[in-house]
Amino acid sequence: MAVKFSSPQAVTLGRRVVERLSGRGVQVVSDAESAPALGLGPGPARSDLGRVVDVVVVVGGDGTFLSAARGCPASTPVAGINMGTLGFLTEHPSDRVDAFLEDLLGGRVVAERRDRLQVSVESASDLSSFLVLNDVVINKAVLARMITINVEVAGEPLTRYRADGLILATPTGSTAYNLSAGGPIVHPGLAALLITPICPHTLSNRPLVIPLDLEVRVWVESGDEGVYLTLDGQQGLPLKDGLPVTVRGAAEPLWVVRDRGVSFFSTLHHKLKWGEREV
């Protein structure tokens, strides 16, 4: 179990979840960061939690969900109880937590496949690899200057962006930073990769949706300093000297425990307030 331990409300609800599960004979294991707030013994690091439990229950917002899901193998589904704002990933409402836990224990829940990205980052000395559920973002760390980003798709040159940055997103991440940058919303059931420039200088540079099985290679031109790569808003590292970043569909997806009474379209209608009358 993982909880947004900086939120008193999330901690209170998390303790309630621990009490309910323990009362049903379930052994509850928490990540090391959440354990003190929940009154549990020390557990593994949050990034390792999914490898030692049968299901990960997250109490918090989408950021907490992403941090808990980062190290989860495909064999461990993740369920999010929403204590944040939008909550596209943590979709189970906090006021229905008891009913949700009964459904979870009774095997009456639905797990939905979500594709992830395999991100490889080359450096002068080694190759680092990451799993990403939402998005890969390249942008300037401080000064408001445009950077030059080269993009290849399936080994062919695509374009050379002059922009504030670039987002490579999954359909799951299409409602995150990609949406704010003017990218399309894509149903999470589609095997797709979204390429969205952030404030491009050339108006013809538009968001692009490509098949997930195509490899994308990106690098920032030499001379652009202070450029960072951010992964799911959780991990960040500097990009230097034009070294490439390779993004492809990951072999191992994540399975997300859905709210059976909520569809993707009803979530859009509710979360984005579509169809509501202007005041």
Protein backbone atom coordinates (compact mmCIF):
# COMPACT_ATOMS: atom_id res chain seq x y z
CA MET A 1 0.00 0.00 0.00
CA ALA A 2 1.18 3.52 -0.79
CA VAL A 3 -0.27 6.77 0.52
CA LYS A 4 0.30 10.46 -0.05
CA PHE A 5 1.88 10.87 3.38
CA SER A 6 2.03 14.67 3.11
CA SER A 7 -1.79 14.80 3.10
CA PRO A 8 -3.50 14.33 6.50
CA GLN A 9 -6.73 13.35 4.72
CA ALA A 10 -4.97 10.69 2.67
CA VAL A 11 -3.20 9.33 5.75
CA THR A 12 -6.48 9.13 7.67
CA LEU A 13 -8.14 7.24 4.82
CA GLY A 14 -5.07 5.06 4.40
CA ARG A 15 -5.25 4.00 8.05
CA ARG A 16 -8.89 3.13 7.52
CA VAL A 17 -7.98 0.97 4.53
CA VAL A 18 -5.28 -0.78 6.58
CA GLU A 19 -7.81 -1.43 9.36
CA ARG A 20 -10.41 -2.86 6.95
CA LEU A 21 -7.93 -5.12 5.17
CA SER A 22 -6.25 -6.32 8.36
CA GLY A 23 -9.67 -7.08 9.82
CA ARG A 24 -10.27 -9.41 6.88
CA GLY A 25 -7.03 -11.27 7.49
CA VAL A 26 -5.06 -9.52 4.74
CA GLN A 27 -1.39 -8.86 5.38
CA VAL A 28 -0.81 -5.19 4.52
CA VAL A 29 2.66 -4.14 3.40
CA SER A 30 3.43 -0.46 2.92
CA ASP A 31 6.32 1.25 1.24
CA ALA A 32 9.02 2.60 3.53
CA GLU A 33 7.94 6.22 2.97
CA SER A 34 4.29 5.61 3.88
CA ALA A 35 4.76 3.07 6.69
CA PRO A 36 5.41 5.51 9.58
CA ALA A 37 2.29 7.54 8.75
CA LEU A 38 0.18 4.39 8.54
CA GLY A 39 1.54 2.88 11.74
CA LEU A 40 3.04 -0.12 9.92
CA GLY A 41 6.43 -1.73 10.11
CA PRO A 42 9.16 -0.76 7.64
CA GLY A 43 8.54 -1.95 4.11
CA PRO A 44 10.38 -1.84 0.79
CA ALA A 45 11.13 1.32 -1.16
CA ARG A 46 8.08 2.57 -3.04
CA SER A 47 9.65 1.65 -6.37
CA ASP A 48 9.96 -1.97 -5.17
CA LEU A 49 6.54 -2.31 -3.54
CA GLY A 50 4.87 -3.90 -6.56
CA ARG A 51 7.38 -6.76 -6.53
CA VAL A 52 6.47 -8.00 -3.04
CA VAL A 53 2.66 -7.72 -2.95
CA ASP A 54 -0.29 -9.16 -4.91
CA VAL A 55 -1.93 -5.80 -5.58
CA VAL A 56 -0.88 -2.20 -4.88
CA VAL A 57 -3.53 0.08 -3.36
CA VAL A 58 -2.69 3.78 -3.67
CA VAL A 59 -4.39 6.49 -1.59
CA GLY A 60 -3.61 9.92 -3.06
CA GLY A 61 -3.51 11.63 -6.43
CA ASP A 62 -2.12 10.68 -9.81
CA GLY A 63 1.41 11.65 -8.74
CA THR A 64 1.31 9.16 -5.87
CA PHE A 65 -0.09 6.55 -8.25
CA LEU A 66 2.74 7.08 -10.74
CA SER A 67 5.41 6.83 -8.06
CA ALA A 68 3.95 3.55 -6.76
CA ALA A 69 3.39 2.06 -10.22
CA ARG A 70 6.89 2.85 -11.50
CA GLY A 71 8.44 -0.44 -10.41
CA CYS A 72 5.38 -2.64 -10.75
CA PRO A 73 5.66 -5.74 -12.94
CA ALA A 74 2.75 -6.71 -15.17
CA SER A 75 1.78 -9.38 -12.62
CA THR A 76 0.87 -6.76 -9.98
CA PRO A 77 -2.22 -4.62 -10.67
CA VAL A 78 -2.54 -1.14 -9.15
CA ALA A 79 -5.71 0.41 -7.73
CA GLY A 80 -5.95 4.13 -6.97
CA ILE A 81 -8.26 5.76 -4.42
CA ASN A 82 -8.59 9.41 -5.35
CA MET A 83 -7.51 12.05 -2.83
CA GLY A 84 -6.19 14.47 -5.44
CA THR A 85 -7.78 16.86 -7.93
CA LEU A 86 -8.47 15.39 -11.38
CA GLY A 87 -7.55 11.80 -10.66
CA PHE A 88 -7.52 10.17 -14.08
CA LEU A 89 -5.51 7.26 -12.64
CA THR A 90 -6.81 7.24 -9.07
CA GLU A 91 -10.41 6.91 -10.13
CA HIS A 92 -11.97 5.10 -7.16
CA PRO A 93 -13.82 7.73 -5.07
CA SER A 94 -12.84 8.02 -1.43
CA ASP A 95 -16.47 7.99 -0.27
CA ARG A 96 -16.90 4.47 -1.71
CA VAL A 97 -13.74 2.95 -0.32
CA ASP A 98 -15.50 0.26 1.75
CA ALA A 99 -17.50 -1.00 -1.23
CA PHE A 100 -14.36 -0.95 -3.38
CA LEU A 101 -12.38 -3.00 -0.85
CA GLU A 102 -15.20 -5.57 -0.70
CA ASP A 103 -15.18 -5.84 -4.48
CA LEU A 104 -11.39 -6.15 -4.49
CA LEU A 105 -11.37 -8.91 -1.87
CA GLY A 106 -14.26 -10.67 -3.58
CA GLY A 107 -12.61 -10.65 -6.99
CA ARG A 108 -15.30 -8.43 -8.48
CA VAL A 109 -13.00 -5.85 -10.02
CA VAL A 110 -11.82 -5.30 -13.58
CA ALA A 111 -8.15 -4.80 -14.47
CA GLU A 112 -7.39 -2.83 -17.63
CA ARG A 113 -4.16 -3.05 -19.59
CA ARG A 114 -2.20 0.18 -19.94
CA ASP A 115 0.76 0.30 -22.30
CA ARG A 116 4.02 1.72 -21.04
CA LEU A 117 7.09 3.15 -22.74
CA GLN A 118 10.62 1.78 -22.56
CA VAL A 119 12.98 4.75 -22.45
CA SER A 120 16.71 4.36 -23.03
CA VAL A 121 19.07 7.25 -22.35
CA GLU A 122 22.62 7.15 -23.63
CA SER A 123 25.45 8.88 -21.85
CA ALA A 124 29.16 9.01 -22.45
CA SER A 125 29.72 6.03 -20.15
CA ASP A 126 26.58 3.87 -20.02
CA LEU A 127 22.96 3.27 -21.03
CA SER A 128 20.10 3.86 -18.58
CA SER A 129 16.65 2.35 -19.04
CA PHE A 130 13.29 3.37 -17.57
CA LEU A 131 9.63 2.30 -17.67
CA VAL A 132 7.17 5.16 -18.19
CA LEU A 133 3.38 5.07 -17.89
CA ASN A 134 2.40 8.67 -18.73
CA ASP A 135 5.01 10.71 -20.55
CA VAL A 136 8.56 11.58 -21.41
CA VAL A 137 9.22 15.34 -21.40
CA ILE A 138 12.22 17.24 -22.72
CA ASN A 139 12.36 20.92 -21.81
CA LYS A 140 14.49 23.78 -20.61
CA ALA A 141 15.15 23.80 -16.90
CA VAL A 142 15.35 27.54 -16.23
CA LEU A 143 15.61 30.24 -18.88
CA ALA A 144 12.63 30.81 -21.18
CA ARG A 145 14.49 29.97 -24.38
CA MET A 146 13.60 27.67 -27.21
CA ILE A 147 15.65 24.55 -27.79
CA THR A 148 16.27 22.53 -30.94
CA ILE A 149 15.10 18.92 -30.81
CA ASN A 150 15.72 16.40 -33.57
CA VAL A 151 13.28 13.49 -33.97
CA GLU A 152 13.60 10.27 -35.94
CA VAL A 153 10.80 7.70 -36.27
CA ALA A 154 11.62 4.12 -37.30
CA GLY A 155 15.06 5.27 -38.41
CA GLU A 156 13.74 8.04 -40.67
CA PRO A 157 14.11 11.78 -40.01
CA LEU A 158 10.78 13.29 -38.93
CA THR A 159 11.53 16.90 -38.08
CA ARG A 160 13.71 19.36 -36.23
CA TYR A 161 11.62 21.16 -33.64
CA ARG A 162 12.36 24.68 -32.43
CA ALA A 163 10.17 24.76 -29.35
CA ASP A 164 10.04 25.11 -25.59
CA GLY A 165 10.15 21.33 -25.36
CA LEU A 166 8.70 18.02 -26.48
CA ILE A 167 6.31 15.47 -24.96
CA LEU A 168 6.24 11.79 -25.86
CA ALA A 169 3.13 10.33 -24.25
CA THR A 170 1.12 7.15 -24.01
CA PRO A 171 -2.68 7.22 -24.40
CA THR A 172 -2.83 7.00 -20.60
CA GLY A 173 -0.69 10.15 -20.44
CA SER A 174 -2.70 11.94 -23.12
CA THR A 175 -4.83 13.58 -20.41
CA ALA A 176 -1.78 14.83 -18.48
CA TYR A 177 0.84 17.36 -19.68
CA ASN A 178 0.06 16.42 -23.29
CA LEU A 179 -3.47 17.76 -22.91
CA SER A 180 -2.22 21.06 -21.45
CA ALA A 181 0.17 21.43 -24.41
CA GLY A 182 -2.64 21.07 -26.94
CA GLY A 183 -2.10 17.40 -27.73
CA PRO A 184 -4.95 15.00 -28.54
CA ILE A 185 -6.85 12.86 -26.07
CA VAL A 186 -6.40 9.20 -27.03
CA HIS A 187 -8.36 6.25 -25.66
CA PRO A 188 -6.07 4.11 -23.45
CA GLY A 189 -7.12 0.99 -25.34
CA LEU A 190 -5.21 2.13 -28.43
CA ALA A 191 -1.59 1.07 -28.96
CA ALA A 192 -0.25 4.52 -29.81
CA LEU A 193 2.56 6.96 -29.07
CA LEU A 194 1.90 10.71 -29.06
CA ILE A 195 4.51 13.27 -30.12
CA THR A 196 3.55 16.77 -28.99
CA PRO A 197 5.80 19.85 -29.26
CA ILE A 198 5.52 22.44 -26.50
CA CYS A 199 4.94 25.91 -27.97
CA PRO A 200 6.67 25.23 -31.33
CA HIS A 201 8.07 28.20 -33.22
CA THR A 202 6.78 26.84 -36.54
CA LEU A 203 3.00 26.70 -36.79
CA SER A 204 3.15 23.67 -39.09
CA ASN A 205 4.59 21.60 -36.23
CA ARG A 206 1.52 19.79 -34.93
CA PRO A 207 0.99 16.89 -32.53
CA LEU A 208 1.41 13.51 -34.16
CA VAL A 209 0.05 10.06 -33.22
CA ILE A 210 2.01 7.04 -34.40
CA PRO A 211 1.82 3.26 -33.81
CA LEU A 212 3.34 2.15 -30.54
CA ASP A 213 5.63 -0.37 -32.19
CA LEU A 214 7.62 2.34 -33.99
CA GLU A 215 10.84 3.42 -32.30
CA VAL A 216 11.37 7.13 -31.73
CA ARG A 217 14.86 8.58 -31.33
CA VAL A 218 15.26 12.11 -29.97
CA TRP A 219 18.26 14.28 -29.29
CA VAL A 220 18.88 17.92 -28.43
CA GLU A 221 21.38 19.79 -30.55
CA SER A 222 24.74 20.53 -29.02
CA GLY A 223 24.94 23.99 -27.52
CA ASP A 224 21.51 23.83 -25.88
CA GLU A 225 22.45 23.69 -22.20
CA GLY A 226 20.27 23.21 -19.14
CA VAL A 227 17.92 20.77 -20.88
CA TYR A 228 16.26 18.08 -18.76
CA LEU A 229 14.50 14.81 -19.40
CA THR A 230 11.57 14.19 -17.04
CA LEU A 231 9.89 10.79 -16.77
CA ASP A 232 6.30 10.65 -15.48
CA GLY A 233 7.03 13.81 -13.49
CA GLN A 234 8.91 11.56 -11.04
CA GLN A 235 12.46 11.20 -12.33
CA GLY A 236 14.66 13.76 -14.03
CA LEU A 237 18.11 13.88 -15.52
CA PRO A 238 20.07 16.37 -17.63
CA LEU A 239 20.54 15.88 -21.36
CA LYS A 240 23.92 16.96 -22.68
CA ASP A 241 26.03 16.95 -25.85
CA GLY A 242 23.36 15.75 -28.23
CA LEU A 243 23.20 12.26 -26.70
CA PRO A 244 20.08 10.40 -27.87
CA VAL A 245 16.95 9.26 -26.05
CA THR A 246 15.22 6.21 -27.52
CA VAL A 247 11.53 5.58 -26.83
CA ARG A 248 9.57 2.47 -27.80
CA GLY A 249 6.58 0.50 -26.55
CA ALA A 250 7.50 -1.53 -23.47
CA ALA A 251 7.10 -5.30 -23.50
CA GLU A 252 5.60 -5.18 -19.99
CA PRO A 253 2.34 -3.25 -19.54
CA LEU A 254 0.74 -2.10 -16.30
CA TRP A 255 -2.64 -3.40 -15.19
CA VAL A 256 -4.90 -0.81 -13.56
CA VAL A 257 -7.87 -1.79 -11.39
CA ARG A 258 -10.82 0.13 -12.81
CA ASP A 259 -13.99 1.40 -11.22
CA ARG A 260 -16.62 -0.85 -12.84
CA GLY A 261 -19.20 1.93 -12.83
CA VAL A 262 -17.01 4.43 -14.70
CA SER A 263 -16.06 4.47 -18.38
CA PHE A 264 -13.30 6.44 -20.07
CA PHE A 265 -15.91 8.67 -21.69
CA SER A 266 -17.80 9.35 -18.47
CA THR A 267 -14.46 10.20 -16.84
CA LEU A 268 -13.75 12.77 -19.56
CA HIS A 269 -17.26 14.19 -19.22
CA HIS A 270 -16.93 14.50 -15.44
CA LYS A 271 -13.27 15.43 -14.96
CA LEU A 272 -13.06 17.92 -17.83
CA LYS A 273 -16.57 19.27 -17.17
CA TRP A 274 -17.65 18.69 -20.76
CA GLY A 275 -21.22 19.58 -21.53
CA GLU A 276 -21.70 21.79 -18.47
CA ARG A 277 -23.40 25.10 -19.00
CA GLU A 278 -21.35 28.26 -18.95
CA VAL A 279 -22.09 30.49 -15.98
